[in-house]
């Protein structure tokens, strides 16, 4: 029987930290901004995405964002079926 490798889903910000593209402090700041924006969005503004925010603030570049997004798409999400060949 093959050994099953279980990888838990990671959010984009966590992946950027893991990749060394941003610090935990930069992620926390972006998350705070996102939360403040969400609370003040009673006027139907679109939500702020972490990747977009970090790009606009020039904390990361497009290549770093694309690398993390690609990794995120390759990691199975929780609850997705694990196939044991």
C-alpha atoms as a PDB file:
ATOM      1  CA  UNK A   1       0.000   0.000   0.000  1.00  0.00           C
ATOM      2  CA  UNK A   2       1.397   3.390  -0.983  1.00  0.00           C
ATOM      3  CA  UNK A   3       1.962   5.959   1.727  1.00  0.00           C
ATOM      4  CA  UNK A   4      -0.632   8.730   1.560  1.00  0.00           C
ATOM      5  CA  UNK A   5       0.682  12.255   1.814  1.00  0.00           C
ATOM      6  CA  UNK A   6      -1.829  14.644   3.283  1.00  0.00           C
ATOM      7  CA  UNK A   7      -1.192  18.329   2.678  1.00  0.00           C
ATOM      8  CA  UNK A   8      -3.501  20.809   4.315  1.00  0.00           C
ATOM      9  CA  UNK A   9      -4.847  23.777   2.375  1.00  0.00           C
ATOM     10  CA  UNK A  10      -2.846  26.965   2.777  1.00  0.00           C
ATOM     11  CA  UNK A  11      -4.066  30.470   2.252  1.00  0.00           C
ATOM     12  CA  UNK A  12      -2.193  32.707  -0.151  1.00  0.00           C
ATOM     13  CA  UNK A  13      -0.690  34.849   2.608  1.00  0.00           C
ATOM     14  CA  UNK A  14       0.615  31.778   4.441  1.00  0.00           C
ATOM     15  CA  UNK A  15       2.225  30.514   1.248  1.00  0.00           C
ATOM     16  CA  UNK A  16       3.909  33.872   0.649  1.00  0.00           C
ATOM     17  CA  UNK A  17       5.350  33.730   4.166  1.00  0.00           C
ATOM     18  CA  UNK A  18       6.479  30.117   3.673  1.00  0.00           C
ATOM     19  CA  UNK A  19       8.171  31.095   0.408  1.00  0.00           C
ATOM     20  CA  UNK A  20       9.975  33.959   2.139  1.00  0.00           C
ATOM     21  CA  UNK A  21       8.300  36.567  -0.070  1.00  0.00           C
ATOM     22  CA  UNK A  22       6.756  38.438   2.883  1.00  0.00           C
ATOM     23  CA  UNK A  23       7.170  38.449   6.645  1.00  0.00           C
ATOM     24  CA  UNK A  24       4.534  37.437   9.166  1.00  0.00           C
ATOM     25  CA  UNK A  25       4.289  41.098  10.140  1.00  0.00           C
ATOM     26  CA  UNK A  26       3.568  42.123   6.544  1.00  0.00           C
ATOM     27  CA  UNK A  27       0.868  39.449   6.334  1.00  0.00           C
ATOM     28  CA  UNK A  28      -0.689  40.607   9.607  1.00  0.00           C
ATOM     29  CA  UNK A  29      -0.767  44.197   8.350  1.00  0.00           C
ATOM     30  CA  UNK A  30      -2.412  43.132   5.083  1.00  0.00           C
ATOM     31  CA  UNK A  31      -4.993  41.054   6.980  1.00  0.00           C
ATOM     32  CA  UNK A  32      -5.776  44.006   9.266  1.00  0.00           C
ATOM     33  CA  UNK A  33      -6.241  46.242   6.243  1.00  0.00           C
ATOM     34  CA  UNK A  34      -8.499  43.625   4.650  1.00  0.00           C
ATOM     35  CA  UNK A  35     -10.609  43.390   7.825  1.00  0.00           C
ATOM     36  CA  UNK A  36     -10.914  47.184   8.132  1.00  0.00           C
ATOM     37  CA  UNK A  37     -11.919  47.419   4.483  1.00  0.00           C
ATOM     38  CA  UNK A  38     -14.516  44.689   4.977  1.00  0.00           C
ATOM     39  CA  UNK A  39     -16.040  46.539   7.949  1.00  0.00           C
ATOM     40  CA  UNK A  40     -16.198  49.821   6.059  1.00  0.00           C
ATOM     41  CA  UNK A  41     -17.592  48.228   2.892  1.00  0.00           C
ATOM     42  CA  UNK A  42     -21.216  48.850   3.687  1.00  0.00           C
ATOM     43  CA  UNK A  43     -21.270  50.784   0.409  1.00  0.00           C
ATOM     44  CA  UNK A  44     -20.766  47.557  -1.615  1.00  0.00           C
ATOM     45  CA  UNK A  45     -17.088  47.985  -2.424  1.00  0.00           C
ATOM     46  CA  UNK A  46     -15.472  44.850  -3.752  1.00  0.00           C
ATOM     47  CA  UNK A  47     -13.384  42.919  -1.213  1.00  0.00           C
ATOM     48  CA  UNK A  48      -9.648  43.534  -1.022  1.00  0.00           C
ATOM     49  CA  UNK A  49      -7.689  40.447  -1.978  1.00  0.00           C
ATOM     50  CA  UNK A  50      -4.442  39.914  -0.062  1.00  0.00           C
ATOM     51  CA  UNK A  51      -2.429  39.375  -3.242  1.00  0.00           C
ATOM     52  CA  UNK A  52      -3.769  42.545  -4.848  1.00  0.00           C
ATOM     53  CA  UNK A  53      -3.089  44.576  -1.716  1.00  0.00           C
ATOM     54  CA  UNK A  54       0.500  43.315  -1.401  1.00  0.00           C
ATOM     55  CA  UNK A  55       1.082  43.997  -5.109  1.00  0.00           C
ATOM     56  CA  UNK A  56      -0.303  47.537  -4.934  1.00  0.00           C
ATOM     57  CA  UNK A  57       1.815  48.261  -1.866  1.00  0.00           C
ATOM     58  CA  UNK A  58       4.851  46.880  -3.749  1.00  0.00           C
ATOM     59  CA  UNK A  59       5.537  44.370  -1.003  1.00  0.00           C
ATOM     60  CA  UNK A  60       5.638  41.607  -3.630  1.00  0.00           C
ATOM     61  CA  UNK A  61       5.984  41.572  -7.387  1.00  0.00           C
ATOM     62  CA  UNK A  62       3.830  39.833  -9.974  1.00  0.00           C
ATOM     63  CA  UNK A  63       6.239  36.869 -10.216  1.00  0.00           C
ATOM     64  CA  UNK A  64       6.032  36.192  -6.467  1.00  0.00           C
ATOM     65  CA  UNK A  65       2.237  36.366  -6.573  1.00  0.00           C
ATOM     66  CA  UNK A  66       2.048  34.012  -9.554  1.00  0.00           C
ATOM     67  CA  UNK A  67       4.423  31.539  -7.880  1.00  0.00           C
ATOM     68  CA  UNK A  68       2.298  31.428  -4.726  1.00  0.00           C
ATOM     69  CA  UNK A  69      -0.966  31.154  -6.678  1.00  0.00           C
ATOM     70  CA  UNK A  70       0.443  28.284  -8.717  1.00  0.00           C
ATOM     71  CA  UNK A  71       1.501  26.474  -5.547  1.00  0.00           C
ATOM     72  CA  UNK A  72      -1.887  27.092  -3.970  1.00  0.00           C
ATOM     73  CA  UNK A  73      -3.636  25.481  -6.929  1.00  0.00           C
ATOM     74  CA  UNK A  74      -1.448  22.390  -6.612  1.00  0.00           C
ATOM     75  CA  UNK A  75      -2.241  21.846  -2.918  1.00  0.00           C
ATOM     76  CA  UNK A  76      -5.421  19.817  -2.374  1.00  0.00           C
ATOM     77  CA  UNK A  77      -8.083  21.582  -0.388  1.00  0.00           C
ATOM     78  CA  UNK A  78      -9.407  20.074   2.821  1.00  0.00           C
ATOM     79  CA  UNK A  79     -12.103  17.549   2.110  1.00  0.00           C
ATOM     80  CA  UNK A  80     -10.893  16.853  -1.416  1.00  0.00           C
ATOM     81  CA  UNK A  81     -10.585  13.142  -2.152  1.00  0.00           C
ATOM     82  CA  UNK A  82      -7.162  11.559  -1.739  1.00  0.00           C
ATOM     83  CA  UNK A  83      -6.421   8.966  -4.406  1.00  0.00           C
ATOM     84  CA  UNK A  84      -4.195   6.113  -3.341  1.00  0.00           C
ATOM     85  CA  UNK A  85      -2.711   4.510  -6.460  1.00  0.00           C
END
